[in-house]
Amino acid sequence: MNFLFAWRYFKAKKSTNAINIIARVSMAAIVVGAASLILVLSVFNGFEDLVKSLYTSFYPDIKVLPGKGKTLVLSPDQLKKLSAVQGVHALSLMAQDNALLQSGEYRTTAYLKGVDENFTKVTGVHDKVVRGKFELGTEDHPLAVLGSGIESALNTEADRAIVPLSVYMFRKGSGDITSDPLNSLSNENMATSGVFMIQQDFDDHYVITNLAFVKRMLGLKPDEYGGVEIGLNDPRQAAALKPVLQQMLGSNYLVQTRYEQNQSLYNVMGTEKWFIYVLLTLILVVASFNMVGALTMLVLEKQKDIHVLKALGATGGRIQRIFLSEGILLAVLGGACGILLAVIICWLQSKYHLVPLQGGSFLIDYYPVKLVATDFLLVLSTILIVALLASWIPARKAATTAIELR
């Protein structure tokens, strides 16, 4: 009944055209606000998916690291037990440390990461090789796959380099390096086989080669590693498997899910998304002042109707709910139109890439968008709350109007 009155008031011709104009303007503000919220949240979702896909290419589902120091010891029996855990697809042993790389007169520092043959089963780095091949060689004849930033810093072409790279690394337990730094260094040559391109954080800092070569450079023992990277049959089970693996290994080992390996990144993305949501909600609140004006003028317009309804027995609460319903009606119509507009724009952006990214990204050249059902619920809830707050004062004024029939 309340919405029936609200609908009739919404459609009815007003005595003053300004009321119609203000009502339409208030609804248009809600349309723009709803569309803006959905569009911005969708862009954040798109970028979040893009960034996660990039980091998924480099980071495994679960990673086991030493609780203290840079290395851990894993016996063949421990590795066998880890492999037997239900849900574990593959294990990849690794070791990494800082290295100085030199090609002719060019030098740069990088993380030299040694991996075994199972590395391709737990990450997608091999799929990101843009030139050359993902070949790591052997302990005696090592090959390296360079990040594109490292390749540029060394002024070389990794897929066709004739002159090998010189690699310098500090051996484990080398003591006081200030007294005799040369005696603490391992120096060997390493050829290159290809170059990968994922994301700047990886491209500018990582070089991947075989595990045996890095262990020899660092002076690690046979059962000593930098960590274990674990691939799962179902990555969604990582959180459930983490405590199982942690209990099996003990407190001297640190077990991390992919989220925990990049926790600061995910926290920053989440914070930015909610900050923008709050900012746009505040803009929507400011825009709702038009609704306050429209409903206030409508209350003045419908004074006679209010008097008649009260004379027929309508309570103040009933009158208040009628005008609250009017505000909700404006919000729902505006919100629905805004969401529909946002969906159409997102579809056009996904299909035709209407809005390009400036700067020439090598990954995508347009803003990615992704519609999520929870965003629709969030935006609709926000609009309804704002509409109720904006409608409260005019509705309360209508409810307290004294009966005056002439």
Foldseek 3Di string as FASTA:
>chain_A
DLLVLLVCLLPDDFPDVVLVVLLVLLLQLLLQLLLVLQQLLQLLVFVVVLVVLLLQQPAFQKKKAFPDDQKDFDDPVNVVVVCPPPFFDDKKFKAWDKKWKADPPFIDIAIEMAIAPCPVVGHNQQVQWPDFHPAQDDQVAGEKAAQQQVCVRNVHAQQDDPFWMKMKDFAPPLPDCVVPVVSRIDIDTYHYGTYGYRDCVDSNHYMYHHHNNVCVRRVHDPRMGRIMGTHGPDSVCSVVCQVVSDVSVDDRMDMDGSCRVVVVVVVVSVVVSVVVSVVSLVVSLVSLLSVLVSLLVSLVRCVVVLLVCVVVPDALVSLLSSQLSSLLVSLVVSSVSSVVVSVVVLVCCVVPQPAFDPDDDPPGGHRHGDGDPVSSVVSSVSSSVSSNVSRNVSSNVSSPDDRDDD
